[in-house]
Amino acid sequence: MTDTPPDRLSLNPRSRFYDETLIRRGVGVRFKGQERTNVVEYCLSEGWIKVAAGKSLDRKGNPLTLTLKGPVEVWFEDVEGEAE
């Protein structure tokens, strides 16, 4: 396995950017210098994250998301734990 996370990853199983093996490893996300735990999807090259907008749902029952733009950093949490 590689130690660099993919450019884009989603938690939605219906997305083409969903990868269960990578999600099980644990991916940490830092957005604008602050560590975020509520990220639904991210893209490094385009510089955005998607977060759930409260408890609101769309008509298909999926959570509504907001797209936030800015600097994004990601890492695998299992690699960080092995280094210590």
PDB file of N, CA and C in Angstrom:
ATOM      1  N   MET A   1       0.836  -1.189   0.000  1.00  0.00           N
ATOM      2  CA  MET A   1       0.000   0.000   0.000  1.00  0.00           C
ATOM      3  C   MET A   1       0.879   1.249   0.000  1.00  0.00           C
ATOM      4  N   THR A   2       0.387   2.274  -0.650  1.00  0.00           N
ATOM      5  CA  THR A   2       1.099   3.541  -0.691  1.00  0.00           C
ATOM      6  C   THR A   2       0.756   4.387   0.531  1.00  0.00           C
ATOM      7  N   ASP A   3       1.654   5.278   0.899  1.00  0.00           N
ATOM      8  CA  ASP A   3       1.427   6.137   2.055  1.00  0.00           C
ATOM      9  C   ASP A   3       0.855   7.496   1.680  1.00  0.00           C
ATOM     10  N   THR A   4       0.577   7.723   0.410  1.00  0.00           N
ATOM     11  CA  THR A   4      -0.016   8.985  -0.008  1.00  0.00           C
ATOM     12  C   THR A   4      -1.486   8.778  -0.348  1.00  0.00           C
ATOM     13  N   PRO A   5      -2.362   9.565   0.251  1.00  0.00           N
ATOM     14  CA  PRO A   5      -3.792   9.444  -0.031  1.00  0.00           C
ATOM     15  C   PRO A   5      -4.110   9.870  -1.468  1.00  0.00           C
ATOM     16  N   PRO A   6      -5.245   9.437  -2.005  1.00  0.00           N
ATOM     17  CA  PRO A   6      -5.616   9.809  -3.367  1.00  0.00           C
ATOM     18  C   PRO A   6      -5.965  11.288  -3.470  1.00  0.00           C
ATOM     19  N   ASP A   7      -5.996  11.796  -4.691  1.00  0.00           N
ATOM     20  CA  ASP A   7      -6.338  13.195  -4.931  1.00  0.00           C
ATOM     21  C   ASP A   7      -7.774  13.488  -4.520  1.00  0.00           C
ATOM     22  N   ARG A   8      -8.655  12.515  -4.685  1.00  0.00           N
ATOM     23  CA  ARG A   8     -10.067  12.727  -4.357  1.00  0.00           C
ATOM     24  C   ARG A   8     -10.624  11.469  -3.713  1.00  0.00           C
ATOM     25  N   LEU A   9     -11.422  11.654  -2.656  1.00  0.00           N
ATOM     26  CA  LEU A   9     -12.006  10.521  -1.941  1.00  0.00           C
ATOM     27  C   LEU A   9     -13.368  10.929  -1.401  1.00  0.00           C
ATOM     28  N   SER A  10     -14.322  10.000  -1.448  1.00  0.00           N
ATOM     29  CA  SER A  10     -15.680  10.261  -0.982  1.00  0.00           C
ATOM     30  C   SER A  10     -16.124   9.169  -0.021  1.00  0.00           C
ATOM     31  N   LEU A  11     -16.976   9.533   0.932  1.00  0.00           N
ATOM     32  CA  LEU A  11     -17.553   8.562   1.863  1.00  0.00           C
ATOM     33  C   LEU A  11     -18.857   7.965   1.339  1.00  0.00           C
ATOM     34  N   ASN A  12     -19.384   8.517   0.260  1.00  0.00           N
ATOM     35  CA  ASN A  12     -20.643   8.046  -0.320  1.00  0.00           C
ATOM     36  C   ASN A  12     -20.379   6.811  -1.176  1.00  0.00           C
ATOM     37  N   PRO A  13     -20.960   5.654  -0.827  1.00  0.00           N
ATOM     38  CA  PRO A  13     -20.725   4.428  -1.595  1.00  0.00           C
ATOM     39  C   PRO A  13     -21.174   4.512  -3.053  1.00  0.00           C
ATOM     40  N   ARG A  14     -22.075   5.420  -3.387  1.00  0.00           N
ATOM     41  CA  ARG A  14     -22.541   5.562  -4.768  1.00  0.00           C
ATOM     42  C   ARG A  14     -21.598   6.393  -5.630  1.00  0.00           C
ATOM     43  N   SER A  15     -20.625   7.045  -5.028  1.00  0.00           N
ATOM     44  CA  SER A  15     -19.693   7.882  -5.765  1.00  0.00           C
ATOM     45  C   SER A  15     -18.612   7.039  -6.434  1.00  0.00           C
ATOM     46  N   ARG A  16     -18.119   7.498  -7.566  1.00  0.00           N
ATOM     47  CA  ARG A  16     -17.032   6.764  -8.220  1.00  0.00           C
ATOM     48  C   ARG A  16     -15.701   6.984  -7.511  1.00  0.00           C
ATOM     49  N   PHE A  17     -15.650   7.918  -6.567  1.00  0.00           N
ATOM     50  CA  PHE A  17     -14.434   8.192  -5.810  1.00  0.00           C
ATOM     51  C   PHE A  17     -14.428   7.493  -4.452  1.00  0.00           C
ATOM     52  N   TYR A  18     -15.371   6.609  -4.224  1.00  0.00           N
ATOM     53  CA  TYR A  18     -15.467   5.835  -2.985  1.00  0.00           C
ATOM     54  C   TYR A  18     -14.484   4.666  -3.040  1.00  0.00           C
ATOM     55  N   ASP A  19     -13.727   4.467  -1.958  1.00  0.00           N
ATOM     56  CA  ASP A  19     -12.806   3.327  -1.860  1.00  0.00           C
ATOM     57  C   ASP A  19     -12.797   2.855  -0.412  1.00  0.00           C
ATOM     58  N   GLU A  20     -13.459   1.743  -0.156  1.00  0.00           N
ATOM     59  CA  GLU A  20     -13.639   1.254   1.213  1.00  0.00           C
ATOM     60  C   GLU A  20     -12.321   0.924   1.903  1.00  0.00           C
ATOM     61  N   THR A  21     -11.360   0.373   1.180  1.00  0.00           N
ATOM     62  CA  THR A  21     -10.088   0.007   1.805  1.00  0.00           C
ATOM     63  C   THR A  21      -9.336   1.239   2.295  1.00  0.00           C
ATOM     64  N   LEU A  22      -9.397   2.326   1.546  1.00  0.00           N
ATOM     65  CA  LEU A  22      -8.725   3.556   1.974  1.00  0.00           C
ATOM     66  C   LEU A  22      -9.436   4.182   3.172  1.00  0.00           C
ATOM     67  N   ILE A  23     -10.748   4.124   3.173  1.00  0.00           N
ATOM     68  CA  ILE A  23     -11.520   4.699   4.277  1.00  0.00           C
ATOM     69  C   ILE A  23     -11.266   3.927   5.567  1.00  0.00           C
ATOM     70  N   ARG A  24     -11.134   2.600   5.475  1.00  0.00           N
ATOM     71  CA  ARG A  24     -10.838   1.787   6.669  1.00  0.00           C
ATOM     72  C   ARG A  24      -9.490   2.145   7.284  1.00  0.00           C
ATOM     73  N   ARG A  25      -8.528   2.553   6.446  1.00  0.00           N
ATOM     74  CA  ARG A  25      -7.215   2.962   6.968  1.00  0.00           C
ATOM     75  C   ARG A  25      -7.317   4.212   7.820  1.00  0.00           C
ATOM     76  N   GLY A  26      -8.303   5.038   7.554  1.00  0.00           N
ATOM     77  CA  GLY A  26      -8.476   6.281   8.282  1.00  0.00           C
ATOM     78  C   GLY A  26      -7.737   7.406   7.581  1.00  0.00           C
ATOM     79  N   VAL A  27      -8.473   8.393   7.134  1.00  0.00           N
ATOM     80  CA  VAL A  27      -7.893   9.534   6.433  1.00  0.00           C
ATOM     81  C   VAL A  27      -8.151  10.782   7.263  1.00  0.00           C
ATOM     82  N   GLY A  28      -7.086  11.489   7.615  1.00  0.00           N
ATOM     83  CA  GLY A  28      -7.213  12.748   8.329  1.00  0.00           C
ATOM     84  C   GLY A  28      -7.241  13.891   7.340  1.00  0.00           C
ATOM     85  N   VAL A  29      -8.050  14.917   7.626  1.00  0.00           N
ATOM     86  CA  VAL A  29      -8.181  16.061   6.729  1.00  0.00           C
ATOM     87  C   VAL A  29      -7.961  17.340   7.526  1.00  0.00           C
ATOM     88  N   ARG A  30      -7.106  18.205   7.000  1.00  0.00           N
ATOM     89  CA  ARG A  30      -6.886  19.528   7.576  1.00  0.00           C
ATOM     90  C   ARG A  30      -7.304  20.538   6.512  1.00  0.00           C
ATOM     91  N   PHE A  31      -8.232  21.429   6.873  1.00  0.00           N
ATOM     92  CA  PHE A  31      -8.738  22.436   5.951  1.00  0.00           C
ATOM     93  C   PHE A  31      -8.487  23.812   6.543  1.00  0.00           C
ATOM     94  N   LYS A  32      -7.742  24.631   5.817  1.00  0.00           N
ATOM     95  CA  LYS A  32      -7.365  25.983   6.264  1.00  0.00           C
ATOM     96  C   LYS A  32      -6.693  25.939   7.638  1.00  0.00           C
ATOM     97  N   GLY A  33      -5.848  24.933   7.844  1.00  0.00           N
ATOM     98  CA  GLY A  33      -5.084  24.821   9.083  1.00  0.00           C
ATOM     99  C   GLY A  33      -5.824  24.204  10.246  1.00  0.00           C
ATOM    100  N   GLN A  34      -7.081  23.826  10.075  1.00  0.00           N
ATOM    101  CA  GLN A  34      -7.877  23.247  11.157  1.00  0.00           C
ATOM    102  C   GLN A  34      -8.252  21.813  10.793  1.00  0.00           C
ATOM    103  N   GLU A  35      -8.036  20.886  11.722  1.00  0.00           N
ATOM    104  CA  GLU A  35      -8.370  19.489  11.476  1.00  0.00           C
ATOM    105  C   GLU A  35      -9.887  19.324  11.493  1.00  0.00           C
ATOM    106  N   ARG A  36     -10.420  18.661  10.458  1.00  0.00           N
ATOM    107  CA  ARG A  36     -11.860  18.485  10.318  1.00  0.00           C
ATOM    108  C   ARG A  36     -12.214  17.007  10.413  1.00  0.00           C
ATOM    109  N   THR A  37     -13.308  16.702  11.096  1.00  0.00           N
ATOM    110  CA  THR A  37     -13.758  15.315  11.228  1.00  0.00           C
ATOM    111  C   THR A  37     -15.097  15.080  10.542  1.00  0.00           C
ATOM    112  N   ASN A  38     -15.698  16.123   9.984  1.00  0.00           N
ATOM    113  CA  ASN A  38     -17.023  16.000   9.371  1.00  0.00           C
ATOM    114  C   ASN A  38     -16.982  16.087   7.846  1.00  0.00           C
ATOM    115  N   VAL A  39     -15.850  15.756   7.239  1.00  0.00           N
ATOM    116  CA  VAL A  39     -15.695  15.858   5.790  1.00  0.00           C
ATOM    117  C   VAL A  39     -16.338  14.644   5.112  1.00  0.00           C
ATOM    118  N   VAL A  40     -17.176  14.901   4.104  1.00  0.00           N
ATOM    119  CA  VAL A  40     -17.854  13.849   3.352  1.00  0.00           C
ATOM    120  C   VAL A  40     -17.055  13.493   2.098  1.00  0.00           C
ATOM    121  N   GLU A  41     -16.411  14.498   1.493  1.00  0.00           N
ATOM    122  CA  GLU A  41     -15.625  14.297   0.281  1.00  0.00           C
ATOM    123  C   GLU A  41     -14.581  15.404   0.211  1.00  0.00           C
ATOM    124  N   TYR A  42     -13.437  15.106  -0.418  1.00  0.00           N
ATOM    125  CA  TYR A  42     -12.416  16.139  -0.602  1.00  0.00           C
ATOM    126  C   TYR A  42     -11.757  15.988  -1.961  1.00  0.00           C
ATOM    127  N   CYS A  43     -11.115  17.070  -2.425  1.00  0.00           N
ATOM    128  CA  CYS A  43     -10.329  17.047  -3.650  1.00  0.00           C
ATOM    129  C   CYS A  43      -9.112  17.940  -3.434  1.00  0.00           C
ATOM    130  N   LEU A  44      -7.931  17.347  -3.472  1.00  0.00           N
ATOM    131  CA  LEU A  44      -6.700  18.090  -3.244  1.00  0.00           C
ATOM    132  C   LEU A  44      -6.374  19.041  -4.395  1.00  0.00           C
ATOM    133  N   SER A  45      -6.436  18.553  -5.626  1.00  0.00           N
ATOM    134  CA  SER A  45      -6.018  19.355  -6.773  1.00  0.00           C
ATOM    135  C   SER A  45      -6.911  20.570  -6.997  1.00  0.00           C
ATOM    136  N   GLU A  46      -8.201  20.447  -6.702  1.00  0.00           N
ATOM    137  CA  GLU A  46      -9.115  21.566  -6.889  1.00  0.00           C
ATOM    138  C   GLU A  46      -9.261  22.404  -5.627  1.00  0.00           C
ATOM    139  N   GLY A  47      -8.798  21.900  -4.469  1.00  0.00           N
ATOM    140  CA  GLY A  47      -8.805  22.658  -3.219  1.00  0.00           C
ATOM    141  C   GLY A  47     -10.182  22.875  -2.619  1.00  0.00           C
ATOM    142  N   TRP A  48     -10.933  21.802  -2.407  1.00  0.00           N
ATOM    143  CA  TRP A  48     -12.233  21.922  -1.757  1.00  0.00           C
ATOM    144  C   TRP A  48     -12.547  20.683  -0.929  1.00  0.00           C
ATOM    145  N   ILE A  49     -13.489  20.877   0.010  1.00  0.00           N
ATOM    146  CA  ILE A  49     -14.048  19.774   0.790  1.00  0.00           C
ATOM    147  C   ILE A  49     -15.563  19.927   0.783  1.00  0.00           C
ATOM    148  N   LYS A  50     -16.253  18.831   1.025  1.00  0.00           N
ATOM    149  CA  LYS A  50     -17.707  18.861   1.184  1.00  0.00           C
ATOM    150  C   LYS A  50     -18.022  18.401   2.597  1.00  0.00           C
ATOM    151  N   VAL A  51     -18.860  19.166   3.279  1.00  0.00           N
ATOM    152  CA  VAL A  51     -19.281  18.832   4.639  1.00  0.00           C
ATOM    153  C   VAL A  51     -20.804  18.789   4.686  1.00  0.00           C
ATOM    154  N   ALA A  52     -21.333  17.985   5.601  1.00  0.00           N
ATOM    155  CA  ALA A  52     -22.783  17.878   5.758  1.00  0.00           C
ATOM    156  C   ALA A  52     -23.333  19.189   6.313  1.00  0.00           C
ATOM    157  N   ALA A  53     -24.488  19.606   5.786  1.00  0.00           N
ATOM    158  CA  ALA A  53     -25.141  20.842   6.216  1.00  0.00           C
ATOM    159  C   ALA A  53     -26.169  20.518   7.296  1.00  0.00           C
ATOM    160  N   GLY A  54     -25.694  20.281   8.487  1.00  0.00           N
ATOM    161  CA  GLY A  54     -26.588  19.954   9.596  1.00  0.00           C
ATOM    162  C   GLY A  54     -27.258  18.610   9.404  1.00  0.00           C
ATOM    163  N   LYS A  55     -28.537  18.543   9.764  1.00  0.00           N
ATOM    164  CA  LYS A  55     -29.285  17.292   9.641  1.00  0.00           C
ATOM    165  C   LYS A  55     -30.199  17.297   8.422  1.00  0.00           C
ATOM    166  N   SER A  56     -30.048  18.281   7.557  1.00  0.00           N
ATOM    167  CA  SER A  56     -30.907  18.408   6.379  1.00  0.00           C
ATOM    168  C   SER A  56     -30.650  17.282   5.390  1.00  0.00           C
ATOM    169  N   LEU A  57     -31.733  16.802   4.769  1.00  0.00           N
ATOM    170  CA  LEU A  57     -31.643  15.733   3.772  1.00  0.00           C
ATOM    171  C   LEU A  57     -32.260  16.207   2.462  1.00  0.00           C
ATOM    172  N   ASP A  58     -31.751  15.689   1.356  1.00  0.00           N
ATOM    173  CA  ASP A  58     -32.370  15.997   0.073  1.00  0.00           C
ATOM    174  C   ASP A  58     -33.550  15.058  -0.138  1.00  0.00           C
ATOM    175  N   ARG A  59     -34.205  15.154  -1.282  1.00  0.00           N
ATOM    176  CA  ARG A  59     -35.413  14.359  -1.510  1.00  0.00           C
ATOM    177  C   ARG A  59     -35.152  12.865  -1.657  1.00  0.00           C
ATOM    178  N   LYS A  60     -33.890  12.488  -1.861  1.00  0.00           N
ATOM    179  CA  LYS A  60     -33.530  11.074  -1.951  1.00  0.00           C
ATOM    180  C   LYS A  60     -33.036  10.514  -0.620  1.00  0.00           C
ATOM    181  N   GLY A  61     -33.013  11.346   0.420  1.00  0.00           N
ATOM    182  CA  GLY A  61     -32.591  10.897   1.740  1.00  0.00           C
ATOM    183  C   GLY A  61     -31.111  11.044   2.028  1.00  0.00           C
ATOM    184  N   ASN A  62     -30.365  11.661   1.114  1.00  0.00           N
ATOM    185  CA  ASN A  62     -28.933  11.893   1.324  1.00  0.00           C
ATOM    186  C   ASN A  62     -28.726  13.220   2.045  1.00  0.00           C
ATOM    187  N   PRO A  63     -27.691  13.323   2.862  1.00  0.00           N
ATOM    188  CA  PRO A  63     -27.440  14.595   3.545  1.00  0.00           C
ATOM    189  C   PRO A  63     -27.068  15.690   2.549  1.00  0.00           C
ATOM    190  N   LEU A  64     -27.574  16.895   2.799  1.00  0.00           N
ATOM    191  CA  LEU A  64     -27.181  18.043   1.978  1.00  0.00           C
ATOM    192  C   LEU A  64     -25.747  18.413   2.348  1.00  0.00           C
ATOM    193  N   THR A  65     -24.967  18.807   1.360  1.00  0.00           N
ATOM    194  CA  THR A  65     -23.570  19.146   1.612  1.00  0.00           C
ATOM    195  C   THR A  65     -23.256  20.553   1.156  1.00  0.00           C
ATOM    196  N   LEU A  66     -22.275  21.160   1.820  1.00  0.00           N
ATOM    197  CA  LEU A  66     -21.739  22.452   1.442  1.00  0.00           C
ATOM    198  C   LEU A  66     -20.332  22.237   0.921  1.00  0.00           C
ATOM    199  N   THR A  67     -19.963  22.942  -0.132  1.00  0.00           N
ATOM    200  CA  THR A  67     -18.611  22.866  -0.673  1.00  0.00           C
ATOM    201  C   THR A  67     -17.838  24.074  -0.173  1.00  0.00           C
ATOM    202  N   LEU A  68     -16.726  23.816   0.506  1.00  0.00           N
ATOM    203  CA  LEU A  68     -15.865  24.870   1.038  1.00  0.00           C
ATOM    204  C   LEU A  68     -14.546  24.843   0.283  1.00  0.00           C
ATOM    205  N   LYS A  69     -14.083  26.004  -0.168  1.00  0.00           N
ATOM    206  CA  LYS A  69     -12.851  26.070  -0.945  1.00  0.00           C
ATOM    207  C   LYS A  69     -11.721  26.662  -0.110  1.00  0.00           C
ATOM    208  N   GLY A  70     -10.527  26.092  -0.281  1.00  0.00           N
ATOM    209  CA  GLY A  70      -9.355  26.546   0.437  1.00  0.00           C
ATOM    210  C   GLY A  70      -8.282  25.475   0.416  1.00  0.00           C
ATOM    211  N   PRO A  71      -7.171  25.722   1.113  1.00  0.00           N
ATOM    212  CA  PRO A  71      -6.088  24.726   1.143  1.00  0.00           C
ATOM    213  C   PRO A  71      -6.496  23.473   1.923  1.00  0.00           C
ATOM    214  N   VAL A  72      -6.231  22.306   1.313  1.00  0.00           N
ATOM    215  CA  VAL A  72      -6.605  21.016   1.901  1.00  0.00           C
ATOM    216  C   VAL A  72      -5.355  20.165   2.058  1.00  0.00           C
ATOM    217  N   GLU A  73      -5.176  19.557   3.237  1.00  0.00           N
ATOM    218  CA  GLU A  73      -4.096  18.603   3.483  1.00  0.00           C
ATOM    219  C   GLU A  73      -4.730  17.303   3.959  1.00  0.00           C
ATOM    220  N   VAL A  74      -4.251  16.168   3.461  1.00  0.00           N
ATOM    221  CA  VAL A  74      -4.775  14.869   3.895  1.00  0.00           C
ATOM    222  C   VAL A  74      -3.627  13.920   4.209  1.00  0.00           C
ATOM    223  N   TRP A  75      -3.887  12.942   5.073  1.00  0.00           N
ATOM    224  CA  TRP A  75      -2.895  11.943   5.460  1.00  0.00           C
ATOM    225  C   TRP A  75      -3.628  10.696   5.942  1.00  0.00           C
ATOM    226  N   PHE A  76      -2.924   9.578   5.911  1.00  0.00           N
ATOM    227  CA  PHE A  76      -3.474   8.345   6.472  1.00  0.00           C
ATOM    228  C   PHE A  76      -3.153   8.318   7.951  1.00  0.00           C
ATOM    229  N   GLU A  77      -4.158   8.049   8.763  1.00  0.00           N
ATOM    230  CA  GLU A  77      -3.965   8.047  10.206  1.00  0.00           C
ATOM    231  C   GLU A  77      -3.222   6.815  10.696  1.00  0.00           C
ATOM    232  N   ASP A  78      -3.308   5.680   9.990  1.00  0.00           N
ATOM    233  CA  ASP A  78      -2.584   4.485  10.426  1.00  0.00           C
ATOM    234  C   ASP A  78      -1.070   4.659  10.212  1.00  0.00           C
ATOM    235  N   VAL A  79      -0.647   5.433   9.241  1.00  0.00           N
ATOM    236  CA  VAL A  79       0.765   5.699   9.017  1.00  0.00           C
ATOM    237  C   VAL A  79       1.309   6.607  10.096  1.00  0.00           C
ATOM    238  N   GLU A  80       0.505   7.583  10.502  1.00  0.00           N
ATOM    239  CA  GLU A  80       0.915   8.507  11.551  1.00  0.00           C
ATOM    240  C   GLU A  80       1.144   7.784  12.872  1.00  0.00           C
ATOM    241  N   GLY A  81       0.290   6.805  13.192  1.00  0.00           N
ATOM    242  CA  GLY A  81       0.422   6.046  14.429  1.00  0.00           C
ATOM    243  C   GLY A  81       1.648   5.152  14.452  1.00  0.00           C
ATOM    244  N   GLU A  82       2.087   4.630  13.294  1.00  0.00           N
ATOM    245  CA  GLU A  82       3.264   3.764  13.219  1.00  0.00           C
ATOM    246  C   GLU A  82       4.555   4.557  13.406  1.00  0.00           C
ATOM    247  N   ALA A  83       4.548   5.827  13.033  1.00  0.00           N
ATOM    248  CA  ALA A  83       5.765   6.638  13.117  1.00  0.00           C
ATOM    249  C   ALA A  83       6.114   6.964  14.561  1.00  0.00           C
ATOM    250  N   GLU A  84       5.139   6.968  15.435  1.00  0.00           N
ATOM    251  CA  GLU A  84       5.398   7.336  16.839  1.00  0.00           C
ATOM    252  C   GLU A  84       5.896   6.182  17.655  1.00  0.00           C
TER     253      GLU A  84
END
